[in-house]
């Protein structure tokens, strides 16, 4: 099993927007969705990921 959010993973906020880009390494398999909550405070650039796995059956 691959390690979740390894050293090559990145997260970055888009300046002036509520948007964030998250790149996981290794990538999640196609039948897994990562849901997260942004727990960062206003003015704080840190994005804290708290994963909750949602398994989708293959179609």
Protein backbone atom coordinates (compact mmCIF):
# COMPACT_ATOMS: atom_id res chain seq x y z
CA UNK A 1 0.00 0.00 0.00
CA UNK A 2 1.33 3.43 -0.92
CA UNK A 3 1.93 6.05 1.73
CA UNK A 4 -0.71 8.79 1.69
CA UNK A 5 0.54 12.30 1.00
CA UNK A 6 4.21 11.51 0.64
CA UNK A 7 7.09 13.95 0.55
CA UNK A 8 6.37 14.88 -3.08
CA UNK A 9 2.81 16.05 -2.24
CA UNK A 10 2.11 19.76 -2.45
CA UNK A 11 -0.67 22.17 -1.49
CA UNK A 12 -0.89 25.81 -2.51
CA UNK A 13 -3.49 28.53 -2.09
CA UNK A 14 -4.42 30.72 -5.04
CA UNK A 15 -3.65 34.27 -3.87
CA UNK A 16 -6.75 36.35 -3.23
CA UNK A 17 -9.16 33.43 -3.70
CA UNK A 18 -10.59 30.65 -1.52
CA UNK A 19 -9.15 28.09 -3.94
CA UNK A 20 -6.34 25.67 -3.25
CA UNK A 21 -4.50 23.23 -5.49
CA UNK A 22 -3.47 19.92 -3.97
CA UNK A 23 -1.21 17.45 -5.73
CA UNK A 24 -0.90 14.09 -4.01
CA UNK A 25 2.04 11.82 -4.59
CA UNK A 26 1.35 9.02 -5.06
CA UNK A 27 -1.93 9.89 -6.77
CA UNK A 28 -5.14 8.37 -5.46
CA UNK A 29 -6.53 5.37 -7.35
CA UNK A 30 -9.46 6.33 -9.61
CA UNK A 31 -12.07 4.69 -7.35
CA UNK A 32 -11.14 6.75 -4.27
CA UNK A 33 -12.28 10.31 -3.54
CA UNK A 34 -10.46 12.48 -1.01
CA UNK A 35 -12.70 14.83 0.94
CA UNK A 36 -11.10 17.48 3.12
CA UNK A 37 -11.78 20.50 5.28
CA UNK A 38 -9.66 23.62 5.09
CA UNK A 39 -8.89 24.33 8.75
CA UNK A 40 -6.59 27.28 8.10
CA UNK A 41 -7.24 30.60 9.80
CA UNK A 42 -7.75 33.79 7.81
CA UNK A 43 -4.39 35.14 6.72
CA UNK A 44 -2.68 31.80 7.34
CA UNK A 45 -1.19 30.12 4.28
CA UNK A 46 -1.21 26.68 5.88
CA UNK A 47 -3.79 24.20 4.61
CA UNK A 48 -4.43 21.33 7.00
CA UNK A 49 -5.67 18.19 5.29
CA UNK A 50 -7.84 15.78 7.26
CA UNK A 51 -8.67 12.99 4.84
CA UNK A 52 -11.89 11.01 4.92
CA UNK A 53 -11.94 8.20 2.40
CA UNK A 54 -14.96 7.59 0.21
CA UNK A 55 -14.81 4.39 -1.81
CA UNK A 56 -16.72 4.30 -5.09
CA UNK A 57 -17.40 0.97 -6.77
CA UNK A 58 -15.92 0.66 -10.28
CA UNK A 59 -18.42 1.28 -13.09
